[in-house]
Amino acid sequence: MRTKIIIVLALFVLAILNYGIYEKEQIKKTGDIILLQLAPVDPRSLIQGDYMRFRYTIESDILSQAGDNHQKRGYVVVRPDKNNVGQFVRIYQNEKLAADEKLFRYYNQIYAIRIVPDSFLFQEGQAKFYQEAKYGIFKFSGQKDYLLVGLANADRKEIKPSVH
């Protein structure tokens, strides 16, 4: 009996994990694209391998509007411009959003606001392709569920490293 319970629970956990993966794949396939302008910080981690840690240029706008009144964690409202580059609108206060507005998660560090995610991992040895990254490419499902799916150059074209 104990073995059957363990097997059923294991299958349940695997089903939940696979459903989460399926949801993320659907966002990647069919999501709306928004770009956020980057301000790169650190191109390498000795433990993780090659990655780019960055800040987003809208973070300074958020901090200046929030002043000392911002929460530890929350959402900011962003609206894409004609080039699909996200522009900061306001800090989200549970109000109804316009159809073209999206929400990005943020967290508060001491004297800084950070949009999540704030890093992008890539295959070791491909750092040279991402050195010119100027935008993070996000895909949205709805107004709140999003993924960072790639990086783009100054022309807003996705950077696709060549495989050797």
N, C-alpha and C. Protein backbone atom coordinates (compact mmCIF):
# COMPACT_ATOMS: atom_id res chain seq x y z
N MET A 1 0.82 -1.19 0.00
CA MET A 1 0.00 0.00 0.00
C MET A 1 0.87 1.27 0.00
N ARG A 2 1.92 1.28 0.80
CA ARG A 2 2.82 2.43 0.88
C ARG A 2 3.47 2.71 -0.47
N THR A 3 3.86 1.66 -1.18
CA THR A 3 4.49 1.81 -2.50
C THR A 3 3.52 2.45 -3.48
N LYS A 4 2.27 2.05 -3.45
CA LYS A 4 1.26 2.62 -4.36
C LYS A 4 1.06 4.10 -4.08
N ILE A 5 1.03 4.47 -2.82
CA ILE A 5 0.87 5.88 -2.46
C ILE A 5 2.05 6.70 -2.96
N ILE A 6 3.26 6.18 -2.79
CA ILE A 6 4.46 6.88 -3.26
C ILE A 6 4.43 7.04 -4.78
N ILE A 7 4.02 5.99 -5.48
CA ILE A 7 3.95 6.07 -6.95
C ILE A 7 2.91 7.09 -7.39
N VAL A 8 1.75 7.09 -6.75
CA VAL A 8 0.70 8.05 -7.09
C VAL A 8 1.17 9.48 -6.82
N LEU A 9 1.80 9.71 -5.69
CA LEU A 9 2.31 11.05 -5.37
C LEU A 9 3.40 11.48 -6.34
N ALA A 10 4.29 10.56 -6.70
CA ALA A 10 5.35 10.87 -7.67
C ALA A 10 4.75 11.24 -9.02
N LEU A 11 3.75 10.51 -9.46
CA LEU A 11 3.09 10.83 -10.73
C LEU A 11 2.38 12.18 -10.67
N PHE A 12 1.79 12.48 -9.52
CA PHE A 12 1.12 13.77 -9.33
C PHE A 12 2.13 14.91 -9.42
N VAL A 13 3.26 14.77 -8.76
CA VAL A 13 4.31 15.80 -8.80
C VAL A 13 4.83 15.96 -10.22
N LEU A 14 5.09 14.88 -10.92
CA LEU A 14 5.56 14.95 -12.31
C LEU A 14 4.53 15.62 -13.21
N ALA A 15 3.25 15.34 -13.00
CA ALA A 15 2.19 15.97 -13.79
C ALA A 15 2.19 17.48 -13.57
N ILE A 16 2.32 17.91 -12.34
CA ILE A 16 2.34 19.35 -12.04
C ILE A 16 3.56 20.02 -12.67
N LEU A 17 4.72 19.40 -12.56
CA LEU A 17 5.93 19.95 -13.16
C LEU A 17 5.80 20.05 -14.68
N ASN A 18 5.29 19.01 -15.30
CA ASN A 18 5.13 19.02 -16.76
C ASN A 18 4.12 20.07 -17.20
N TYR A 19 3.07 20.28 -16.42
CA TYR A 19 2.10 21.31 -16.76
C TYR A 19 2.76 22.70 -16.69
N GLY A 20 3.60 22.93 -15.69
CA GLY A 20 4.33 24.20 -15.59
C GLY A 20 5.22 24.43 -16.80
N ILE A 21 5.90 23.39 -17.24
CA ILE A 21 6.75 23.49 -18.43
C ILE A 21 5.88 23.79 -19.65
N TYR A 22 4.76 23.10 -19.78
CA TYR A 22 3.84 23.32 -20.90
C TYR A 22 3.37 24.78 -20.94
N GLU A 23 3.01 25.34 -19.78
CA GLU A 23 2.58 26.74 -19.73
C GLU A 23 3.67 27.69 -20.22
N LYS A 24 4.91 27.47 -19.78
CA LYS A 24 6.01 28.32 -20.21
C LYS A 24 6.26 28.20 -21.71
N GLU A 25 6.16 27.00 -22.25
CA GLU A 25 6.34 26.80 -23.69
C GLU A 25 5.24 27.52 -24.48
N GLN A 26 4.03 27.54 -23.97
CA GLN A 26 2.95 28.25 -24.64
C GLN A 26 3.20 29.75 -24.65
N ILE A 27 3.72 30.29 -23.56
CA ILE A 27 4.07 31.72 -23.53
C ILE A 27 5.14 32.00 -24.57
N LYS A 28 6.16 31.15 -24.66
CA LYS A 28 7.22 31.35 -25.66
C LYS A 28 6.68 31.30 -27.09
N LYS A 29 5.73 30.41 -27.35
CA LYS A 29 5.19 30.25 -28.71
C LYS A 29 4.24 31.37 -29.11
N THR A 30 3.35 31.76 -28.20
CA THR A 30 2.24 32.63 -28.60
C THR A 30 2.20 33.97 -27.87
N GLY A 31 3.18 34.25 -27.03
CA GLY A 31 3.12 35.46 -26.21
C GLY A 31 3.33 36.75 -26.99
N ASP A 32 2.83 37.84 -26.42
CA ASP A 32 3.06 39.18 -26.95
C ASP A 32 4.47 39.61 -26.58
N ILE A 33 5.16 40.27 -27.50
CA ILE A 33 6.55 40.66 -27.28
C ILE A 33 6.64 42.10 -26.78
N ILE A 34 7.44 42.29 -25.73
CA ILE A 34 7.82 43.62 -25.24
C ILE A 34 9.33 43.60 -25.00
N LEU A 35 10.00 44.65 -25.41
CA LEU A 35 11.44 44.79 -25.17
C LEU A 35 11.64 45.77 -24.02
N LEU A 36 12.63 45.48 -23.17
CA LEU A 36 13.05 46.44 -22.15
C LEU A 36 14.50 46.80 -22.40
N GLN A 37 14.79 48.09 -22.40
CA GLN A 37 16.16 48.54 -22.64
C GLN A 37 17.04 48.17 -21.46
N LEU A 38 18.24 47.66 -21.78
CA LEU A 38 19.17 47.16 -20.77
C LEU A 38 20.28 48.14 -20.45
N ALA A 39 20.81 47.97 -19.26
CA ALA A 39 22.03 48.64 -18.84
C ALA A 39 22.91 47.52 -18.25
N PRO A 40 23.75 46.84 -19.08
CA PRO A 40 24.51 45.67 -18.61
C PRO A 40 25.37 45.97 -17.39
N VAL A 41 25.54 44.93 -16.55
CA VAL A 41 26.32 45.07 -15.32
C VAL A 41 27.50 44.12 -15.29
N ASP A 42 27.27 42.81 -15.43
CA ASP A 42 28.34 41.84 -15.20
C ASP A 42 28.24 40.70 -16.21
N PRO A 43 29.28 40.46 -17.02
CA PRO A 43 29.16 39.45 -18.07
C PRO A 43 29.54 38.02 -17.69
N ARG A 44 29.98 37.74 -16.47
CA ARG A 44 30.45 36.38 -16.20
C ARG A 44 30.32 36.03 -14.72
N SER A 45 30.02 34.77 -14.49
CA SER A 45 29.97 34.23 -13.14
C SER A 45 30.85 33.00 -13.11
N LEU A 46 31.75 32.91 -12.15
CA LEU A 46 32.64 31.76 -12.07
C LEU A 46 31.90 30.48 -11.72
N ILE A 47 30.83 30.59 -10.97
CA ILE A 47 30.08 29.40 -10.56
C ILE A 47 29.07 28.99 -11.64
N GLN A 48 28.34 29.96 -12.19
CA GLN A 48 27.27 29.65 -13.13
C GLN A 48 27.73 29.53 -14.57
N GLY A 49 28.89 30.03 -14.91
CA GLY A 49 29.31 30.05 -16.31
C GLY A 49 29.00 31.41 -16.90
N ASP A 50 28.84 31.47 -18.21
CA ASP A 50 28.57 32.74 -18.87
C ASP A 50 27.14 33.18 -18.64
N TYR A 51 27.00 34.42 -18.26
CA TYR A 51 25.69 35.03 -18.13
C TYR A 51 25.85 36.53 -18.14
N MET A 52 24.76 37.22 -18.35
CA MET A 52 24.77 38.67 -18.31
C MET A 52 23.82 39.11 -17.21
N ARG A 53 24.34 39.85 -16.29
CA ARG A 53 23.50 40.45 -15.25
C ARG A 53 23.25 41.88 -15.69
N PHE A 54 22.04 42.33 -15.58
CA PHE A 54 21.74 43.67 -16.04
C PHE A 54 20.72 44.40 -15.19
N ARG A 55 20.69 45.67 -15.46
CA ARG A 55 19.65 46.55 -14.94
C ARG A 55 18.84 46.99 -16.16
N TYR A 56 17.65 47.45 -15.92
CA TYR A 56 16.82 48.00 -16.99
C TYR A 56 16.79 49.50 -16.83
N THR A 57 16.78 50.22 -17.93
CA THR A 57 16.82 51.68 -17.84
C THR A 57 15.59 52.25 -17.14
N ILE A 58 14.46 51.54 -17.19
CA ILE A 58 13.25 52.07 -16.53
C ILE A 58 13.33 51.99 -15.01
N GLU A 59 14.30 51.27 -14.47
CA GLU A 59 14.40 51.15 -13.01
C GLU A 59 14.65 52.50 -12.34
N SER A 60 15.39 53.39 -12.99
CA SER A 60 15.62 54.71 -12.40
C SER A 60 14.34 55.53 -12.40
N ASP A 61 13.48 55.36 -13.44
CA ASP A 61 12.19 56.04 -13.48
C ASP A 61 11.30 55.56 -12.34
N ILE A 62 11.33 54.26 -12.10
CA ILE A 62 10.51 53.69 -11.02
C ILE A 62 10.95 54.25 -9.68
N LEU A 63 12.26 54.25 -9.45
CA LEU A 63 12.79 54.74 -8.18
C LEU A 63 12.45 56.21 -7.95
N SER A 64 12.56 57.02 -9.01
CA SER A 64 12.26 58.45 -8.84
C SER A 64 10.78 58.68 -8.56
N GLN A 65 9.89 57.87 -9.14
CA GLN A 65 8.46 58.04 -8.85
C GLN A 65 8.10 57.49 -7.48
N ALA A 66 8.73 56.39 -7.11
CA ALA A 66 8.37 55.73 -5.85
C ALA A 66 8.86 56.51 -4.64
N GLY A 67 10.01 57.15 -4.76
CA GLY A 67 10.58 57.83 -3.60
C GLY A 67 10.79 56.86 -2.46
N ASP A 68 10.39 57.22 -1.27
CA ASP A 68 10.52 56.35 -0.11
C ASP A 68 9.25 55.52 0.14
N ASN A 69 8.27 55.63 -0.75
CA ASN A 69 6.97 55.00 -0.51
C ASN A 69 6.80 53.64 -1.19
N HIS A 70 7.84 53.09 -1.80
CA HIS A 70 7.66 51.83 -2.52
C HIS A 70 7.74 50.63 -1.58
N GLN A 71 7.05 49.59 -2.00
CA GLN A 71 7.01 48.36 -1.22
C GLN A 71 8.27 47.54 -1.48
N LYS A 72 8.46 46.51 -0.65
CA LYS A 72 9.60 45.60 -0.83
C LYS A 72 9.50 44.87 -2.16
N ARG A 73 8.31 44.45 -2.52
CA ARG A 73 8.05 43.77 -3.79
C ARG A 73 6.74 44.29 -4.36
N GLY A 74 6.63 44.20 -5.67
CA GLY A 74 5.39 44.64 -6.29
C GLY A 74 5.46 44.54 -7.80
N TYR A 75 4.60 45.30 -8.46
CA TYR A 75 4.53 45.32 -9.92
C TYR A 75 4.59 46.76 -10.41
N VAL A 76 5.15 46.93 -11.60
CA VAL A 76 5.12 48.21 -12.28
C VAL A 76 4.37 48.03 -13.59
N VAL A 77 3.69 49.08 -13.99
CA VAL A 77 2.93 49.07 -15.24
C VAL A 77 3.83 49.61 -16.34
N VAL A 78 3.88 48.85 -17.44
CA VAL A 78 4.71 49.22 -18.59
C VAL A 78 3.83 49.17 -19.83
N ARG A 79 4.04 50.13 -20.72
CA ARG A 79 3.29 50.17 -21.99
C ARG A 79 4.31 50.19 -23.14
N PRO A 80 4.11 49.35 -24.15
CA PRO A 80 5.04 49.36 -25.28
C PRO A 80 4.84 50.59 -26.16
N ASP A 81 5.95 51.14 -26.68
CA ASP A 81 5.86 52.23 -27.64
C ASP A 81 5.69 51.65 -29.04
N LYS A 82 5.84 52.48 -30.07
CA LYS A 82 5.62 52.00 -31.45
C LYS A 82 6.64 50.95 -31.87
N ASN A 83 7.79 50.86 -31.19
CA ASN A 83 8.81 49.86 -31.49
C ASN A 83 8.75 48.66 -30.54
N ASN A 84 7.69 48.56 -29.75
CA ASN A 84 7.51 47.49 -28.76
C ASN A 84 8.49 47.59 -27.60
N VAL A 85 9.09 48.74 -27.38
CA VAL A 85 9.98 48.95 -26.24
C VAL A 85 9.13 49.43 -25.07
N GLY A 86 9.21 48.71 -23.96
CA GLY A 86 8.39 49.03 -22.80
C GLY A 86 8.79 50.35 -22.16
N GLN A 87 7.79 51.18 -21.88
CA GLN A 87 7.99 52.46 -21.21
C GLN A 87 7.27 52.42 -19.86
N PHE A 88 7.96 52.88 -18.83
CA PHE A 88 7.38 52.91 -17.49
C PHE A 88 6.18 53.85 -17.47
N VAL A 89 5.07 53.40 -16.88
CA VAL A 89 3.87 54.21 -16.76
C VAL A 89 3.65 54.62 -15.31
N ARG A 90 3.61 53.62 -14.41
CA ARG A 90 3.35 53.90 -13.01
C ARG A 90 3.59 52.64 -12.18
N ILE A 91 3.60 52.81 -10.88
CA ILE A 91 3.66 51.67 -9.98
C ILE A 91 2.24 51.14 -9.85
N TYR A 92 2.10 49.84 -9.94
CA TYR A 92 0.78 49.20 -9.92
C TYR A 92 0.18 49.25 -8.53
N GLN A 93 -1.08 49.69 -8.46
CA GLN A 93 -1.81 49.79 -7.19
C GLN A 93 -3.14 49.03 -7.26
N ASN A 94 -3.16 47.88 -7.93
CA ASN A 94 -4.33 47.03 -8.08
C ASN A 94 -5.46 47.67 -8.88
N GLU A 95 -5.14 48.66 -9.70
CA GLU A 95 -6.16 49.28 -10.54
C GLU A 95 -6.33 48.47 -11.83
N LYS A 96 -7.40 48.72 -12.55
CA LYS A 96 -7.65 48.05 -13.83
C LYS A 96 -6.65 48.57 -14.85
N LEU A 97 -6.10 47.66 -15.64
CA LEU A 97 -5.09 48.02 -16.64
C LEU A 97 -5.73 48.25 -18.00
N ALA A 98 -5.13 49.14 -18.78
CA ALA A 98 -5.54 49.32 -20.17
C ALA A 98 -5.12 48.07 -20.96
N ALA A 99 -5.71 47.88 -22.11
CA ALA A 99 -5.46 46.67 -22.91
C ALA A 99 -3.99 46.50 -23.30
N ASP A 100 -3.29 47.61 -23.51
CA ASP A 100 -1.89 47.52 -23.95
C ASP A 100 -0.89 47.59 -22.79
N GLU A 101 -1.35 47.64 -21.56
CA GLU A 101 -0.45 47.72 -20.41
C GLU A 101 -0.10 46.33 -19.90
N LYS A 102 1.15 46.17 -19.47
CA LYS A 102 1.66 44.91 -18.93
C LYS A 102 2.28 45.17 -17.56
N LEU A 103 2.38 44.12 -16.77
CA LEU A 103 2.96 44.22 -15.43
C LEU A 103 4.30 43.49 -15.37
N PHE A 104 5.31 44.16 -14.82
CA PHE A 104 6.60 43.54 -14.53
C PHE A 104 6.79 43.52 -13.03
N ARG A 105 7.30 42.38 -12.53
CA ARG A 105 7.60 42.26 -11.09
C ARG A 105 8.87 43.04 -10.78
N TYR A 106 8.90 43.61 -9.59
CA TYR A 106 10.13 44.26 -9.12
C TYR A 106 10.35 43.89 -7.66
N TYR A 107 11.58 44.09 -7.23
CA TYR A 107 11.90 44.01 -5.80
C TYR A 107 12.78 45.18 -5.45
N ASN A 108 12.74 45.54 -4.20
CA ASN A 108 13.43 46.72 -3.71
C ASN A 108 14.72 46.30 -3.02
N GLN A 109 15.84 46.79 -3.53
CA GLN A 109 17.11 46.66 -2.82
C GLN A 109 17.36 48.01 -2.16
N ILE A 110 18.35 48.07 -1.32
CA ILE A 110 18.65 49.36 -0.68
C ILE A 110 19.05 50.35 -1.76
N TYR A 111 18.32 51.44 -1.89
CA TYR A 111 18.55 52.51 -2.85
C TYR A 111 18.45 52.08 -4.31
N ALA A 112 17.76 50.97 -4.59
CA ALA A 112 17.62 50.53 -5.97
C ALA A 112 16.37 49.68 -6.14
N ILE A 113 15.80 49.75 -7.33
CA ILE A 113 14.68 48.91 -7.72
C ILE A 113 15.21 47.96 -8.78
N ARG A 114 14.85 46.70 -8.71
CA ARG A 114 15.28 45.71 -9.70
C ARG A 114 14.07 45.03 -10.31
N ILE A 115 14.00 45.07 -11.63
CA ILE A 115 12.98 44.33 -12.37
C ILE A 115 13.44 42.87 -12.42
N VAL A 116 12.50 41.95 -12.32
CA VAL A 116 12.80 40.52 -12.32
C VAL A 116 12.40 39.95 -13.67
N PRO A 117 13.24 39.15 -14.32
CA PRO A 117 14.57 38.67 -13.92
C PRO A 117 15.63 39.70 -14.26
N ASP A 118 16.75 39.60 -13.55
CA ASP A 118 17.83 40.57 -13.76
C ASP A 118 19.11 39.91 -14.28
N SER A 119 18.97 38.72 -14.89
CA SER A 119 20.13 38.08 -15.50
C SER A 119 19.68 37.15 -16.62
N PHE A 120 20.60 36.85 -17.50
CA PHE A 120 20.32 35.99 -18.65
C PHE A 120 21.51 35.05 -18.82
N LEU A 121 21.26 33.76 -18.68
CA LEU A 121 22.32 32.75 -18.85
C LEU A 121 22.40 32.32 -20.30
N PHE A 122 23.62 32.10 -20.78
CA PHE A 122 23.80 31.61 -22.14
C PHE A 122 24.92 30.60 -22.15
N GLN A 123 24.99 29.86 -23.25
CA GLN A 123 25.97 28.78 -23.36
C GLN A 123 27.39 29.33 -23.25
N GLU A 124 28.23 28.61 -22.54
CA GLU A 124 29.61 29.02 -22.35
C GLU A 124 30.30 29.20 -23.70
N GLY A 125 31.08 30.27 -23.80
CA GLY A 125 31.80 30.57 -25.03
C GLY A 125 31.02 31.45 -26.00
N GLN A 126 29.79 31.83 -25.66
CA GLN A 126 29.00 32.65 -26.57
C GLN A 126 28.84 34.09 -26.09
N ALA A 127 29.66 34.49 -25.15
CA ALA A 127 29.58 35.84 -24.59
C ALA A 127 29.78 36.90 -25.68
N LYS A 128 30.63 36.61 -26.65
CA LYS A 128 30.92 37.61 -27.69
C LYS A 128 29.68 37.99 -28.48
N PHE A 129 28.71 37.07 -28.61
CA PHE A 129 27.48 37.37 -29.35
C PHE A 129 26.58 38.31 -28.57
N TYR A 130 26.64 38.24 -27.26
CA TYR A 130 25.72 39.01 -26.42
C TYR A 130 26.31 40.32 -25.91
N GLN A 131 27.55 40.62 -26.25
CA GLN A 131 28.19 41.85 -25.76
C GLN A 131 27.47 43.11 -26.22
N GLU A 132 26.83 43.04 -27.37
CA GLU A 132 26.14 44.22 -27.91
C GLU A 132 24.66 44.25 -27.56
N ALA A 133 24.23 43.44 -26.62
CA ALA A 133 22.81 43.40 -26.24
C ALA A 133 22.37 44.74 -25.67
N LYS A 134 21.25 45.23 -26.17
CA LYS A 134 20.68 46.50 -25.71
C LYS A 134 19.27 46.36 -25.16
N TYR A 135 18.64 45.20 -25.44
CA TYR A 135 17.26 44.99 -25.01
C TYR A 135 17.07 43.55 -24.52
N GLY A 136 16.21 43.40 -23.53
CA GLY A 136 15.73 42.08 -23.13
C GLY A 136 14.42 41.83 -23.86
N ILE A 137 14.25 40.62 -24.40
CA ILE A 137 13.02 40.28 -25.11
C ILE A 137 12.13 39.47 -24.17
N PHE A 138 10.95 39.99 -23.92
CA PHE A 138 9.99 39.34 -23.04
C PHE A 138 8.77 38.93 -23.84
N LYS A 139 8.22 37.77 -23.48
CA LYS A 139 6.95 37.34 -24.07
C LYS A 139 5.94 37.23 -22.94
N PHE A 140 4.76 37.78 -23.21
CA PHE A 140 3.68 37.84 -22.23
C PHE A 140 2.51 36.96 -22.63
N SER A 141 1.91 36.35 -21.63
CA SER A 141 0.61 35.70 -21.76
C SER A 141 -0.31 36.50 -20.84
N GLY A 142 -1.22 37.24 -21.41
CA GLY A 142 -2.05 38.12 -20.60
C GLY A 142 -1.25 39.36 -20.24
N GLN A 143 -1.51 39.90 -19.06
CA GLN A 143 -0.86 41.14 -18.66
C GLN A 143 0.19 40.95 -17.58
N LYS A 144 0.30 39.73 -17.03
CA LYS A 144 1.13 39.56 -15.84
C LYS A 144 2.11 38.39 -15.94
N ASP A 145 1.84 37.41 -16.78
CA ASP A 145 2.70 36.24 -16.90
C ASP A 145 3.68 36.46 -18.04
N TYR A 146 4.97 36.45 -17.74
CA TYR A 146 5.96 36.71 -18.77
C TYR A 146 7.22 35.90 -18.56
N LEU A 147 8.00 35.83 -19.65
CA LEU A 147 9.30 35.16 -19.65
C LEU A 147 10.31 36.02 -20.38
N LEU A 148 11.54 36.04 -19.89
CA LEU A 148 12.64 36.61 -20.65
C LEU A 148 13.09 35.52 -21.62
N VAL A 149 12.94 35.75 -22.92
CA VAL A 149 13.22 34.70 -23.90
C VAL A 149 14.48 34.95 -24.72
N GLY A 150 15.06 36.13 -24.63
CA GLY A 150 16.27 36.40 -25.41
C GLY A 150 16.74 37.82 -25.22
N LEU A 151 17.77 38.16 -25.96
CA LEU A 151 18.33 39.51 -25.96
C LEU A 151 18.35 40.04 -27.38
N ALA A 152 18.27 41.35 -27.53
CA ALA A 152 18.25 41.97 -28.85
C ALA A 152 19.33 43.04 -28.93
N ASN A 153 19.76 43.34 -30.16
CA ASN A 153 20.78 44.36 -30.40
C ASN A 153 20.14 45.75 -30.47
N ALA A 154 20.94 46.75 -30.82
CA ALA A 154 20.45 48.13 -30.87
C ALA A 154 19.35 48.32 -31.92
N ASP A 155 19.30 47.46 -32.94
CA ASP A 155 18.26 47.52 -33.97
C ASP A 155 17.01 46.75 -33.57
N ARG A 156 16.97 46.28 -32.32
CA ARG A 156 15.86 45.52 -31.77
C ARG A 156 15.66 44.17 -32.46
N LYS A 157 16.74 43.63 -33.01
CA LYS A 157 16.71 42.30 -33.63
C LYS A 157 17.27 41.29 -32.63
N GLU A 158 16.61 40.15 -32.54
CA GLU A 158 17.05 39.11 -31.59
C GLU A 158 18.46 38.63 -31.93
N ILE A 159 19.27 38.49 -30.89
CA ILE A 159 20.63 37.98 -31.05
C ILE A 159 20.55 36.45 -31.06
N LYS A 160 20.99 35.85 -32.15
CA LYS A 160 20.99 34.39 -32.27
C LYS A 160 22.42 33.94 -32.54
N PRO A 161 23.08 33.41 -31.50
CA PRO A 161 24.48 32.99 -31.67
C PRO A 161 24.60 31.88 -32.70
N SER A 162 25.69 31.93 -33.47
CA SER A 162 25.93 30.84 -34.42
C SER A 162 26.55 29.67 -33.69
N VAL A 163 26.15 28.49 -34.11
CA VAL A 163 26.65 27.26 -33.50
C VAL A 163 27.87 26.80 -34.28
N HIS A 164 28.93 26.47 -33.57
CA HIS A 164 30.17 26.06 -34.23
C HIS A 164 30.10 24.62 -34.61
